[in-house]
Amino acid sequence: MSRTTIADVAREAGVTKATVSHALSGNRPISEETRSKVLAAAERLNWVPSQSARALATRRANAIAVVLARNPDVIANDSFFPAFIAGVESVLAPSETALILQVVPDRDAEERAYRTLRHGRADGALLLDLRTDDWRVPFLDELGLPTVLVGAYDQATKFSCVRTDDAAPVHEIIARLRADGHERIAHVSGPLDYVHSNARAKAYIDAIGDDELLREGDFTAASGRSCTAELLSLRDRPTAILYSNDTMAIAGLSYARSQGLVIPRDLAISGFDDDHLSAHLSPSLTSVSSDPAARGRAAARLLRADILGAQPRTEIVDCNVVHFRESTA
């Protein structure tokens, strides 16, 4: 059986192939009657335009991209990414827009990936893991690739941004810990060149007054364990530790218990990002639900609008909620 083509649809609808193309792309004014006739003909013939045909008709790839320069092991163990991607896909799916996810090992590979995107592979990009002085922002601006920044980027930019308040939950947790009598409160951060890690660390220092008990981790369980071991070896050790993600917090909790400490009697522990296992630990882990799916939805909506010519703007997603559980009770 021969494959149905755009010519077959045009013949069935009694119009030209160009009219079929314009009716589907929306790039030219077509009467509603003609558009309905074309869509009805396409449905009768069970015809769907190919991705390449759509690209030719719209001059778009009908795809957006996320490029990550992270260790794949970190991505695999971080609950943020699958939830964020699910939020993005919920916006893209109705328009059959593809999501390209590419993991790269270094800056050179990342630059090549963005250049490839700009030359027709994707219509825009979502920029995650923002750094405090991020080379990618001016680079993507120079390339002219529509981009949405996901994070509290503080430099001047022409791009749309999705921001959240990472400082407020840190202040809320520390206030509760102090109310419970804790005076030596430590913080195990993520890499401090990430804007979200930096924002949480700054909030911690602002609340505590110094960085004596601040230790920089890298979001892995290994760093959570090693930073916890260092803090608990201090002569005047902390009685509470706030971690910048749940992976490090769970590793820290496990190490503390291996040293004979009872949680939370001897050491209170809290995390961030509210991993799906955190509420089911024993004791259950206090954490901050950051709703990465909501961030993904907001970022995808902004990027789709930018690709269609909307003016860049900033959207603040109010999604961080502290869940106090047994680990700080």
Protein backbone atom coordinates (compact mmCIF):
# COMPACT_ATOMS: atom_id res chain seq x y z
CA MET A 1 0.00 0.00 0.00
CA SER A 2 1.41 3.38 -1.01
CA ARG A 3 1.95 6.02 1.67
CA THR A 4 -0.53 8.90 1.82
CA THR A 5 1.06 12.20 0.81
CA ILE A 6 0.21 15.88 1.07
CA ALA A 7 -0.84 15.70 -2.60
CA ASP A 8 -3.46 13.08 -1.70
CA VAL A 9 -4.82 15.34 1.05
CA ALA A 10 -4.93 18.32 -1.32
CA ARG A 11 -6.79 16.25 -3.91
CA GLU A 12 -9.25 14.97 -1.29
CA ALA A 13 -9.91 18.50 0.02
CA GLY A 14 -10.03 20.08 -3.44
CA VAL A 15 -7.23 22.54 -2.70
CA THR A 16 -3.56 23.01 -3.60
CA LYS A 17 -0.65 21.44 -1.69
CA ALA A 18 0.38 24.95 -0.63
CA THR A 19 -3.04 25.51 0.92
CA VAL A 20 -2.73 22.25 2.89
CA SER A 21 0.68 23.39 4.16
CA HIS A 22 -0.60 26.84 5.14
CA ALA A 23 -3.67 25.38 6.83
CA LEU A 24 -1.47 23.21 9.06
CA SER A 25 1.31 25.68 9.78
CA GLY A 26 -0.87 28.73 10.45
CA ASN A 27 1.72 30.96 8.77
CA ARG A 28 -0.71 32.33 6.15
CA PRO A 29 -4.31 33.54 6.55
CA ILE A 30 -6.64 30.68 5.62
CA SER A 31 -10.41 30.79 6.01
CA GLU A 32 -11.84 28.62 8.76
CA GLU A 33 -13.94 26.80 6.17
CA THR A 34 -10.87 25.86 4.13
CA ARG A 35 -8.87 24.87 7.23
CA SER A 36 -11.72 22.62 8.39
CA LYS A 37 -11.93 21.05 4.92
CA VAL A 38 -8.18 20.30 4.95
CA LEU A 39 -8.24 18.84 8.48
CA ALA A 40 -11.24 16.68 7.63
CA ALA A 41 -9.50 15.36 4.52
CA ALA A 42 -6.34 14.61 6.48
CA GLU A 43 -8.36 12.73 9.10
CA ARG A 44 -10.22 10.68 6.49
CA LEU A 45 -6.94 9.65 4.90
CA ASN A 46 -5.27 9.13 8.30
CA TRP A 47 -2.45 11.48 7.24
CA VAL A 48 0.02 13.16 9.60
CA PRO A 49 2.69 15.51 8.19
CA SER A 50 6.24 14.28 8.69
CA GLN A 51 8.57 16.15 11.00
CA SER A 52 10.73 17.23 8.07
CA ALA A 53 7.70 18.50 6.17
CA ARG A 54 6.58 20.51 9.19
CA ALA A 55 10.06 21.98 9.52
CA LEU A 56 10.04 23.06 5.90
CA ALA A 57 6.58 24.57 6.23
CA THR A 58 7.16 26.43 9.48
CA ARG A 59 10.94 26.94 9.33
CA ARG A 60 11.01 25.41 12.78
CA ALA A 61 12.33 22.12 14.13
CA ASN A 62 9.30 21.74 16.40
CA ALA A 63 11.71 20.76 19.18
CA ILE A 64 13.31 22.35 22.23
CA ALA A 65 16.43 21.18 24.04
CA VAL A 66 18.02 20.74 27.44
CA VAL A 67 21.81 20.32 27.48
CA LEU A 68 23.32 19.14 30.77
CA ALA A 69 27.01 19.21 31.63
CA ARG A 70 26.65 16.93 34.63
CA ASN A 71 27.93 13.54 35.67
CA PRO A 72 25.25 11.05 34.51
CA ASP A 73 25.44 9.36 37.95
CA VAL A 74 24.40 12.63 39.62
CA ILE A 75 21.50 13.01 37.20
CA ALA A 76 20.39 9.42 37.81
CA ASN A 77 20.21 9.97 41.56
CA ASP A 78 18.68 13.46 41.59
CA SER A 79 14.88 13.49 41.84
CA PHE A 80 14.70 17.02 40.40
CA PHE A 81 15.35 16.09 36.77
CA PRO A 82 12.64 13.51 36.04
CA ALA A 83 9.99 15.70 37.68
CA PHE A 84 11.21 18.79 35.81
CA ILE A 85 11.16 16.91 32.49
CA ALA A 86 7.65 15.63 33.23
CA GLY A 87 6.50 19.23 33.73
CA VAL A 88 8.10 20.30 30.45
CA GLU A 89 6.56 17.39 28.55
CA SER A 90 3.08 18.16 29.88
CA VAL A 91 3.27 21.49 28.02
CA LEU A 92 4.98 20.17 24.88
CA ALA A 93 2.91 17.03 24.33
CA PRO A 94 -0.35 18.69 23.14
CA SER A 95 1.54 20.47 20.33
CA GLU A 96 3.65 17.37 19.52
CA THR A 97 6.82 19.35 20.23
CA ALA A 98 9.84 17.14 20.84
CA LEU A 99 12.21 17.48 23.79
CA ILE A 100 15.90 16.85 23.08
CA LEU A 101 17.97 15.93 26.15
CA GLN A 102 21.74 15.86 25.69
CA VAL A 103 24.35 15.17 28.37
CA VAL A 104 27.85 16.47 27.61
CA PRO A 105 31.20 15.94 29.36
CA ASP A 106 32.78 19.42 29.10
CA ARG A 107 32.49 22.98 27.86
CA ASP A 108 33.74 22.26 24.34
CA ALA A 109 31.08 19.60 23.87
CA GLU A 110 28.46 21.91 25.33
CA GLU A 111 29.38 24.69 22.89
CA ARG A 112 29.18 22.26 19.97
CA ALA A 113 25.78 21.06 21.17
CA TYR A 114 24.36 24.60 21.28
CA ARG A 115 25.78 25.44 17.84
CA THR A 116 24.11 22.32 16.45
CA LEU A 117 20.81 23.33 18.05
CA ARG A 118 21.06 26.77 16.51
CA HIS A 119 21.55 25.30 13.04
CA GLY A 120 18.11 23.75 12.85
CA ARG A 121 18.05 20.95 15.40
CA ALA A 122 15.90 22.83 17.92
CA ASP A 123 13.95 26.09 18.16
CA GLY A 124 15.13 26.99 21.65
CA ALA A 125 16.71 25.78 24.88
CA LEU A 126 16.04 25.56 28.60
CA LEU A 127 19.13 26.47 30.61
CA LEU A 128 19.52 24.61 33.92
CA ASP A 129 22.30 24.44 36.53
CA LEU A 130 22.92 28.17 36.19
CA ARG A 131 26.24 29.44 37.51
CA THR A 132 26.81 32.74 39.27
CA ASP A 133 28.90 33.92 36.30
CA ASP A 134 27.56 31.71 33.53
CA TRP A 135 29.39 31.80 30.18
CA ARG A 136 26.42 30.14 28.47
CA VAL A 137 24.11 33.13 28.84
CA PRO A 138 26.10 35.58 26.66
CA PHE A 139 27.10 32.67 24.38
CA LEU A 140 23.48 31.73 23.65
CA ASP A 141 22.58 35.40 23.25
CA GLU A 142 25.31 35.72 20.63
CA LEU A 143 24.03 32.58 18.86
CA GLY A 144 20.53 34.05 18.81
CA LEU A 145 18.95 30.88 20.20
CA PRO A 146 15.72 31.55 22.18
CA THR A 147 16.44 30.47 25.75
CA VAL A 148 14.74 30.39 29.13
CA LEU A 149 16.90 30.57 32.26
CA VAL A 150 15.70 28.33 35.09
CA GLY A 151 17.09 29.83 38.28
CA ALA A 152 17.85 33.05 40.13
CA TYR A 153 20.24 34.52 37.56
CA ASP A 154 21.23 38.01 38.72
CA GLN A 155 23.22 39.33 35.74
CA ALA A 156 21.69 41.41 32.94
CA THR A 157 20.07 39.21 30.31
CA LYS A 158 17.68 39.42 27.36
CA PHE A 159 16.24 35.99 28.12
CA SER A 160 13.10 34.98 29.97
CA CYS A 161 13.65 33.57 33.47
CA VAL A 162 11.86 31.19 35.82
CA ARG A 163 12.76 32.05 39.40
CA THR A 164 11.95 30.66 42.83
CA ASP A 165 12.71 31.86 46.36
CA ASP A 166 15.36 29.49 47.73
CA ALA A 167 16.20 31.74 50.67
CA ALA A 168 12.82 31.75 52.45
CA PRO A 169 12.70 28.00 53.27
CA VAL A 170 16.27 28.11 54.64
CA HIS A 171 15.27 30.94 56.99
CA GLU A 172 12.13 29.04 57.99
CA ILE A 173 14.01 25.84 58.84
CA ILE A 174 16.69 27.66 60.83
CA ALA A 175 14.04 29.62 62.76
CA ARG A 176 12.32 26.35 63.72
CA LEU A 177 15.63 24.73 64.73
CA ARG A 178 16.48 27.71 66.93
CA ALA A 179 13.05 27.62 68.50
CA ASP A 180 13.78 23.98 69.36
CA GLY A 181 16.97 25.05 71.15
CA HIS A 182 19.65 24.47 68.49
CA GLU A 183 22.53 26.95 68.50
CA ARG A 184 25.18 25.09 66.48
CA ILE A 185 23.51 24.72 63.07
CA ALA A 186 25.61 23.60 60.08
CA HIS A 187 24.94 23.70 56.36
CA VAL A 188 26.17 21.29 53.67
CA SER A 189 25.69 23.17 50.41
CA GLY A 190 25.81 22.14 46.79
CA PRO A 191 28.57 23.53 44.54
CA LEU A 192 28.67 27.23 45.38
CA ASP A 193 29.04 28.35 41.78
CA TYR A 194 25.47 27.11 41.14
CA VAL A 195 23.06 30.00 41.67
CA HIS A 196 20.57 27.89 43.69
CA SER A 197 23.32 26.50 45.96
CA ASN A 198 24.73 29.99 46.39
CA ALA A 199 21.31 31.45 47.23
CA ARG A 200 20.73 28.80 49.92
CA ALA A 201 24.22 29.27 51.36
CA LYS A 202 23.82 33.05 51.46
CA ALA A 203 20.47 32.64 53.24
CA TYR A 204 22.17 30.32 55.75
CA ILE A 205 25.00 32.80 56.42
CA ASP A 206 22.50 35.64 56.70
CA ALA A 207 20.50 33.70 59.30
CA ILE A 208 23.47 32.33 61.26
CA GLY A 209 25.83 35.28 60.98
CA ASP A 210 28.99 33.43 59.82
CA ASP A 211 30.17 30.51 57.68
CA GLU A 212 32.11 28.58 60.35
CA LEU A 213 29.89 25.50 59.93
CA LEU A 214 29.35 25.79 56.16
CA ARG A 215 30.73 22.91 54.09
CA GLU A 216 30.56 22.68 50.29
CA GLY A 217 29.29 19.39 48.88
CA ASP A 218 28.48 18.39 45.30
CA PHE A 219 24.96 16.94 45.67
CA THR A 220 26.26 13.35 45.78
CA ALA A 221 25.76 10.92 48.66
CA ALA A 222 29.54 10.59 49.01
CA SER A 223 29.97 14.31 49.61
CA GLY A 224 27.06 14.31 52.08
CA ARG A 225 28.72 11.55 54.05
CA SER A 226 32.22 13.09 54.01
CA CYS A 227 30.99 16.59 54.97
CA THR A 228 28.92 15.10 57.80
CA ALA A 229 31.93 13.13 59.06
CA GLU A 230 34.02 16.31 59.09
CA LEU A 231 31.36 18.31 60.94
CA LEU A 232 30.76 15.60 63.55
CA SER A 233 34.50 15.30 64.22
CA LEU A 234 34.63 18.90 65.48
CA ARG A 235 35.21 19.33 69.21
CA ASP A 236 32.15 21.58 69.38
CA ARG A 237 30.07 19.71 66.81
CA PRO A 238 26.77 20.98 65.39
CA THR A 239 23.47 19.75 66.81
CA ALA A 240 21.64 20.31 63.51
CA ILE A 241 22.63 20.13 59.82
CA LEU A 242 20.73 21.59 56.88
CA TYR A 243 21.65 19.94 53.56
CA SER A 244 21.11 21.43 50.08
CA ASN A 245 19.51 18.25 48.73
CA ASP A 246 17.98 15.06 50.10
CA THR A 247 20.65 12.74 48.65
CA MET A 248 23.33 14.36 50.82
CA ALA A 249 20.94 14.56 53.79
CA ILE A 250 20.09 10.84 53.64
CA ALA A 251 23.78 9.93 53.44
CA GLY A 252 24.50 12.25 56.36
CA LEU A 253 21.67 10.75 58.40
CA SER A 254 22.98 7.24 57.74
CA TYR A 255 26.53 8.22 58.75
CA ALA A 256 25.37 9.91 61.95
CA ARG A 257 23.42 6.81 62.97
CA SER A 258 26.45 4.63 62.22
CA GLN A 259 28.33 6.74 64.78
CA GLY A 260 25.73 6.01 67.43
CA LEU A 261 23.82 9.29 67.23
CA VAL A 262 20.06 9.23 67.61
CA ILE A 263 18.11 11.39 65.14
CA PRO A 264 16.81 13.94 66.10
CA ARG A 265 17.73 13.72 69.79
CA ASP A 266 21.49 14.06 69.16
CA LEU A 267 21.41 15.59 65.69
CA ALA A 268 18.57 17.22 63.75
CA ILE A 269 18.73 16.85 59.97
CA SER A 270 16.88 18.52 57.10
CA GLY A 271 17.18 18.27 53.33
CA PHE A 272 15.98 20.02 50.20
CA ASP A 273 13.93 18.94 47.14
CA ASP A 274 11.80 16.40 49.06
CA ASP A 275 12.80 13.14 47.38
CA HIS A 276 9.91 10.68 47.10
CA LEU A 277 11.60 8.42 49.70
CA SER A 278 12.19 11.15 52.29
CA ALA A 279 8.78 10.93 53.95
CA HIS A 280 9.17 7.14 54.28
CA LEU A 281 12.54 7.01 56.03
CA SER A 282 12.85 6.17 59.70
CA PRO A 283 12.92 8.82 61.00
CA SER A 284 11.15 10.66 58.19
CA LEU A 285 13.22 13.49 56.74
CA THR A 286 12.33 17.17 57.03
CA SER A 287 12.71 18.63 53.55
CA VAL A 288 11.67 21.39 51.16
CA SER A 289 9.28 20.44 48.38
CA SER A 290 10.45 22.50 45.40
CA ASP A 291 7.91 21.25 42.82
CA PRO A 292 10.28 20.88 39.85
CA ALA A 293 7.31 19.90 37.64
CA ALA A 294 5.82 23.39 38.17
CA ARG A 295 9.16 24.92 37.18
CA GLY A 296 9.24 22.74 34.08
CA ARG A 297 5.74 23.79 33.05
CA ALA A 298 6.54 27.48 33.52
CA ALA A 299 9.82 27.20 31.60
CA ALA A 300 8.22 25.38 28.67
CA ARG A 301 5.36 27.89 28.45
CA LEU A 302 7.78 30.81 28.44
CA LEU A 303 10.03 29.24 25.81
CA ARG A 304 7.15 28.42 23.48
CA ALA A 305 5.95 32.02 23.75
CA ASP A 306 9.47 33.37 23.12
CA ILE A 307 9.89 31.19 20.03
CA LEU A 308 6.66 32.67 18.67
CA GLY A 309 7.96 36.20 19.23
CA ALA A 310 6.76 37.20 22.70
CA GLN A 311 8.77 39.70 24.74
CA PRO A 312 11.07 38.01 27.32
CA ARG A 313 9.82 38.19 30.89
CA THR A 314 10.47 36.78 34.35
CA GLU A 315 8.01 34.42 36.03
CA ILE A 316 8.30 33.74 39.76
CA VAL A 317 7.05 30.27 40.68
CA ASP A 318 5.92 30.15 44.31
CA CYS A 319 6.50 26.45 44.90
CA ASN A 320 8.94 25.93 47.81
CA VAL A 321 7.17 24.42 50.84
CA VAL A 322 8.90 23.15 53.99
CA HIS A 323 7.67 19.77 55.28
CA PHE A 324 8.74 19.38 58.92
CA ARG A 325 9.06 15.71 59.83
CA GLU A 326 10.62 13.48 62.49
CA SER A 327 14.27 14.22 61.66
CA THR A 328 13.92 17.69 63.23
CA ALA A 329 11.10 17.00 65.66
